[in-house]
N, C-alpha and C. Protein backbone atom coordinates (compact mmCIF):
# COMPACT_ATOMS: atom_id res chain seq x y z
N ASP A 1 11.59 2.93 -9.61
CA ASP A 1 10.71 2.70 -8.40
C ASP A 1 9.79 1.66 -8.75
N ALA A 2 9.47 0.71 -7.89
CA ALA A 2 8.76 -0.42 -8.04
C ALA A 2 7.27 0.02 -8.15
N ALA A 3 6.91 1.16 -7.87
CA ALA A 3 5.54 1.57 -7.88
C ALA A 3 5.08 1.99 -9.27
N TYR A 4 5.97 2.07 -10.15
CA TYR A 4 5.66 2.52 -11.57
C TYR A 4 5.88 1.34 -12.54
N ARG A 5 5.26 1.47 -13.68
CA ARG A 5 5.24 0.49 -14.83
C ARG A 5 6.81 0.32 -15.25
N SER A 6 7.06 -0.87 -15.68
CA SER A 6 8.39 -1.23 -16.37
C SER A 6 7.95 -2.20 -17.52
N GLU A 7 8.68 -2.16 -18.59
CA GLU A 7 8.27 -3.04 -19.69
C GLU A 7 8.37 -4.59 -19.25
N GLU A 8 9.31 -4.80 -18.38
CA GLU A 8 9.35 -6.22 -17.75
C GLU A 8 8.16 -6.65 -17.11
N THR A 9 7.59 -5.81 -16.12
CA THR A 9 6.35 -6.14 -15.38
C THR A 9 5.28 -6.14 -16.37
N GLU A 10 5.13 -5.26 -17.17
CA GLU A 10 4.02 -5.26 -18.20
C GLU A 10 3.94 -6.50 -19.00
N ALA A 11 5.18 -6.96 -19.44
CA ALA A 11 5.19 -8.17 -20.16
C ALA A 11 4.79 -9.46 -19.36
N LYS A 12 5.03 -9.47 -18.21
CA LYS A 12 4.76 -10.58 -17.36
C LYS A 12 3.12 -10.55 -17.16
N LEU A 13 2.60 -9.32 -16.99
CA LEU A 13 1.20 -9.30 -16.80
C LEU A 13 0.42 -9.71 -18.03
N ARG A 14 0.94 -9.31 -19.19
CA ARG A 14 0.25 -9.64 -20.38
C ARG A 14 0.39 -11.13 -20.64
N ALA A 15 1.51 -11.71 -20.25
CA ALA A 15 1.69 -13.26 -20.42
C ALA A 15 0.67 -13.92 -19.62
N ARG A 16 0.18 -13.38 -18.59
CA ARG A 16 -0.87 -14.08 -17.65
C ARG A 16 -2.22 -13.54 -17.83
N LYS A 17 -2.38 -12.72 -19.00
CA LYS A 17 -3.61 -12.20 -19.38
C LYS A 17 -4.23 -11.42 -18.34
N LEU A 18 -3.38 -10.51 -17.54
CA LEU A 18 -3.97 -9.70 -16.49
C LEU A 18 -3.81 -8.30 -16.97
N LYS A 19 -4.72 -7.49 -16.41
CA LYS A 19 -4.73 -5.94 -16.75
C LYS A 19 -3.98 -5.17 -15.79
N SER A 20 -3.07 -4.40 -16.23
CA SER A 20 -2.11 -3.64 -15.40
C SER A 20 -2.90 -2.46 -14.64
N HIS A 21 -2.68 -2.47 -13.32
CA HIS A 21 -3.21 -1.37 -12.52
C HIS A 21 -2.03 -0.67 -11.88
N ILE A 22 -1.00 -0.49 -12.58
CA ILE A 22 0.35 0.18 -12.02
C ILE A 22 0.36 1.51 -12.62
N HIS A 23 0.80 2.51 -11.74
CA HIS A 23 0.88 3.93 -12.16
C HIS A 23 1.89 4.09 -13.21
N ARG A 24 1.41 5.03 -14.13
CA ARG A 24 2.40 5.59 -15.29
C ARG A 24 3.16 6.60 -14.68
N LYS A 25 4.39 6.78 -15.18
CA LYS A 25 5.32 7.88 -14.74
C LYS A 25 5.67 8.69 -16.06
N GLY A 26 5.79 9.99 -15.79
CA GLY A 26 6.30 10.92 -16.78
C GLY A 26 7.78 10.82 -17.01
N LYS A 27 8.19 11.23 -18.10
CA LYS A 27 9.64 11.33 -18.40
C LYS A 27 10.06 12.76 -18.77
N ARG A 28 11.40 13.03 -18.60
CA ARG A 28 11.88 14.40 -18.89
C ARG A 28 11.44 14.78 -20.28
N GLY A 29 10.85 15.84 -20.37
CA GLY A 29 10.31 16.36 -21.60
C GLY A 29 9.15 15.74 -22.24
N LYS A 30 8.66 14.77 -21.55
CA LYS A 30 7.36 14.22 -21.99
C LYS A 30 6.47 13.90 -20.67
N PRO A 31 5.71 14.93 -20.32
CA PRO A 31 4.92 14.86 -19.06
C PRO A 31 3.71 13.93 -19.44
N LEU A 32 3.06 13.49 -18.33
CA LEU A 32 1.91 12.65 -18.41
C LEU A 32 0.71 13.42 -19.06
N THR A 33 -0.08 12.66 -19.84
CA THR A 33 -1.29 13.33 -20.48
C THR A 33 -2.27 13.38 -19.27
N ASP A 34 -3.35 14.23 -19.67
CA ASP A 34 -4.44 14.44 -18.63
C ASP A 34 -5.11 13.16 -18.31
N GLN A 35 -5.27 12.21 -19.26
CA GLN A 35 -5.83 11.04 -19.07
C GLN A 35 -5.05 10.10 -18.23
N ALA A 36 -3.87 10.08 -18.47
CA ALA A 36 -2.83 9.29 -17.58
C ALA A 36 -2.86 9.97 -16.14
N LYS A 37 -3.05 11.14 -15.99
CA LYS A 37 -3.00 11.65 -14.58
C LYS A 37 -4.32 11.32 -13.89
N GLY A 38 -5.28 11.37 -14.69
CA GLY A 38 -6.54 10.85 -14.04
C GLY A 38 -6.59 9.41 -13.66
N SER A 39 -6.01 8.66 -14.49
CA SER A 39 -5.92 7.19 -14.31
C SER A 39 -5.01 6.98 -13.00
N ASN A 40 -3.88 7.65 -12.78
CA ASN A 40 -3.08 7.51 -11.71
C ASN A 40 -3.81 8.01 -10.48
N ARG A 41 -4.70 8.99 -10.61
CA ARG A 41 -5.35 9.57 -9.46
C ARG A 41 -6.48 8.45 -8.95
N THR A 42 -6.95 7.77 -9.89
CA THR A 42 -7.96 6.79 -9.61
C THR A 42 -7.35 5.62 -8.88
N LYS A 43 -6.20 5.22 -9.35
CA LYS A 43 -5.40 4.17 -8.69
C LYS A 43 -4.88 4.47 -7.34
N SER A 44 -4.61 5.78 -7.20
CA SER A 44 -4.08 6.19 -5.86
C SER A 44 -5.07 6.25 -4.84
N THR A 45 -6.37 6.24 -5.04
CA THR A 45 -7.31 6.13 -4.02
C THR A 45 -7.44 4.73 -3.38
N VAL A 46 -7.13 3.69 -4.18
CA VAL A 46 -7.01 2.39 -3.73
C VAL A 46 -5.74 2.20 -2.97
N ARG A 47 -4.68 2.54 -3.56
CA ARG A 47 -3.28 2.41 -3.12
C ARG A 47 -3.00 3.06 -1.84
N VAL A 48 -3.63 4.19 -1.55
CA VAL A 48 -3.22 4.96 -0.40
C VAL A 48 -3.71 4.21 0.74
N ARG A 49 -4.87 3.48 0.81
CA ARG A 49 -5.34 2.75 1.90
C ARG A 49 -4.42 1.78 2.33
N VAL A 50 -3.72 1.02 1.48
CA VAL A 50 -2.78 0.02 1.78
C VAL A 50 -1.40 0.64 2.21
N GLU A 51 -1.08 1.66 1.37
CA GLU A 51 0.38 2.21 1.68
C GLU A 51 0.39 2.83 3.18
N HIS A 52 -0.80 3.47 3.73
CA HIS A 52 -0.82 3.97 5.05
C HIS A 52 -0.49 3.00 6.01
N VAL A 53 -1.10 1.80 5.79
CA VAL A 53 -0.85 0.81 6.85
C VAL A 53 0.62 0.40 6.84
N PHE A 54 1.12 0.09 5.67
CA PHE A 54 2.61 -0.27 5.76
C PHE A 54 3.39 0.82 6.16
N GLY A 55 3.13 2.10 5.90
CA GLY A 55 3.90 3.13 6.45
C GLY A 55 3.86 3.36 7.95
N ALA A 56 2.73 3.22 8.41
CA ALA A 56 2.65 3.31 9.95
C ALA A 56 3.24 2.11 10.70
N GLN A 57 3.28 0.92 10.07
CA GLN A 57 3.94 -0.14 10.62
C GLN A 57 5.36 0.01 10.56
N THR A 58 5.87 0.52 9.53
CA THR A 58 7.38 0.59 9.23
C THR A 58 7.92 1.79 10.10
N ASN A 59 7.19 3.03 10.03
CA ASN A 59 7.76 4.07 10.81
C ASN A 59 7.45 4.14 12.27
N ASP A 60 6.24 3.72 12.64
CA ASP A 60 5.76 3.95 13.98
C ASP A 60 5.91 2.63 14.89
N MET A 61 5.89 1.54 14.25
CA MET A 61 5.73 0.28 15.01
C MET A 61 6.90 -0.61 14.93
N GLY A 62 8.04 -0.03 14.81
CA GLY A 62 9.27 -0.97 14.82
C GLY A 62 9.67 -1.56 13.57
N GLY A 63 9.24 -1.10 12.44
CA GLY A 63 9.64 -1.59 11.13
C GLY A 63 9.06 -2.86 10.68
N THR A 64 9.48 -3.34 9.69
CA THR A 64 8.91 -4.51 8.93
C THR A 64 9.51 -5.81 9.07
N LEU A 65 10.83 -5.73 9.80
CA LEU A 65 11.70 -6.93 9.87
C LEU A 65 11.04 -7.77 11.11
N VAL A 66 10.89 -9.14 10.84
CA VAL A 66 10.38 -10.01 11.85
C VAL A 66 11.50 -10.85 12.26
N ARG A 67 11.76 -10.79 13.68
CA ARG A 67 12.90 -11.49 14.13
C ARG A 67 12.28 -12.63 15.05
N SER A 68 12.13 -13.84 14.55
CA SER A 68 11.61 -14.82 15.34
C SER A 68 11.90 -16.10 14.56
N ILE A 69 12.00 -17.21 15.28
CA ILE A 69 12.26 -18.55 14.67
C ILE A 69 10.94 -19.31 14.44
N GLY A 70 10.71 -19.62 13.16
CA GLY A 70 9.65 -20.35 12.84
C GLY A 70 8.42 -19.59 12.33
N LEU A 71 7.70 -20.08 11.36
CA LEU A 71 6.67 -19.56 10.65
C LEU A 71 5.51 -19.15 11.55
N VAL A 72 5.17 -20.01 12.50
CA VAL A 72 3.90 -19.88 13.35
C VAL A 72 4.36 -18.59 14.32
N ARG A 73 5.47 -18.43 14.81
CA ARG A 73 5.90 -17.14 15.59
C ARG A 73 5.78 -16.05 14.86
N ALA A 74 6.31 -16.08 13.54
CA ALA A 74 6.34 -14.84 12.65
C ALA A 74 4.93 -14.46 12.37
N LYS A 75 3.90 -15.43 11.94
CA LYS A 75 2.72 -15.14 11.68
C LYS A 75 1.92 -14.50 13.02
N ALA A 76 2.28 -14.99 14.21
CA ALA A 76 1.57 -14.45 15.37
C ALA A 76 2.18 -13.08 15.70
N ARG A 77 3.44 -12.78 15.31
CA ARG A 77 3.91 -11.36 15.61
C ARG A 77 3.27 -10.39 14.70
N ILE A 78 3.32 -10.85 13.37
CA ILE A 78 2.60 -10.05 12.29
C ILE A 78 1.14 -9.72 12.59
N GLY A 79 0.46 -10.77 13.13
CA GLY A 79 -0.85 -10.60 13.45
C GLY A 79 -1.05 -9.69 14.66
N MET A 80 -0.27 -9.71 15.67
CA MET A 80 -0.39 -8.81 16.79
C MET A 80 0.08 -7.43 16.43
N LYS A 81 0.95 -7.15 15.41
CA LYS A 81 1.24 -5.77 14.94
C LYS A 81 -0.03 -5.25 14.13
N ASN A 82 -0.72 -6.09 13.32
CA ASN A 82 -1.87 -5.81 12.64
C ASN A 82 -3.10 -5.35 13.65
N LEU A 83 -3.23 -6.15 14.67
CA LEU A 83 -4.21 -5.98 15.66
C LEU A 83 -3.83 -4.58 16.34
N ALA A 84 -2.51 -4.31 16.84
CA ALA A 84 -2.32 -3.14 17.37
C ALA A 84 -2.55 -1.94 16.51
N TYR A 85 -2.24 -2.09 15.14
CA TYR A 85 -2.49 -1.16 14.16
C TYR A 85 -4.01 -0.78 14.14
N ASN A 86 -4.79 -1.75 14.02
CA ASN A 86 -6.27 -1.64 13.95
C ASN A 86 -6.77 -1.04 15.16
N MET A 87 -6.31 -1.26 16.36
CA MET A 87 -6.71 -0.70 17.60
C MET A 87 -6.45 0.86 17.64
N ARG A 88 -5.15 1.09 17.24
CA ARG A 88 -4.72 2.50 17.25
C ARG A 88 -5.64 3.30 16.16
N ARG A 89 -5.91 2.64 15.03
CA ARG A 89 -6.74 3.40 14.02
C ARG A 89 -8.09 3.61 14.51
N LEU A 90 -8.64 2.69 15.21
CA LEU A 90 -9.96 2.78 15.79
C LEU A 90 -10.17 3.97 16.72
N VAL A 91 -9.07 4.12 17.54
CA VAL A 91 -8.96 5.26 18.51
C VAL A 91 -8.93 6.54 17.67
N GLN A 92 -8.15 6.59 16.63
CA GLN A 92 -8.07 7.82 15.73
C GLN A 92 -9.42 8.08 15.06
N LEU A 93 -10.13 7.12 14.57
CA LEU A 93 -11.37 7.28 13.98
C LEU A 93 -12.38 7.75 14.94
N ARG A 94 -12.45 7.25 16.11
CA ARG A 94 -13.46 7.64 17.19
C ARG A 94 -13.25 9.11 17.63
N ARG A 95 -11.87 9.46 17.59
CA ARG A 95 -11.67 10.79 17.97
C ARG A 95 -12.17 11.88 16.87
N ILE A 96 -12.14 11.29 15.66
CA ILE A 96 -12.64 12.25 14.52
C ILE A 96 -14.13 12.24 14.46
N ASN A 97 -14.75 11.05 14.64
CA ASN A 97 -16.21 10.89 14.63
C ASN A 97 -16.71 10.07 15.81
N PRO A 98 -16.91 10.80 16.93
CA PRO A 98 -17.36 9.93 18.07
C PRO A 98 -18.73 9.34 17.91
N CYS A 99 -18.80 8.09 18.28
CA CYS A 99 -20.12 7.46 18.18
C CYS A 99 -21.10 7.88 19.29
N PRO A 100 -22.45 7.93 18.96
CA PRO A 100 -23.30 8.35 20.16
C PRO A 100 -23.36 7.27 21.19
N ALA A 101 -23.46 7.84 22.49
CA ALA A 101 -23.41 6.89 23.66
C ALA A 101 -24.82 6.27 23.95
């Protein structure tokens, strides 16, 4: 899974002097340590905010494939999908916590 570390990805990050923020994955017979589980949990708090947006757009809003000719039209279509997502999310948040009138 691309969501977990691989030696190839780690080597590319080291070559560019970047710190890895990719989840660790346990192996059969060698579960994750408590420190690795905590590290994954910390990373998940950031990751979930992004993954939910992509998941909603993929599952609820017609997928991620953009069928248009030209970069300008593709950017406009993606922008409209982002706007629709944000409007839908605002309605959800207002339902949870209505603002005072």
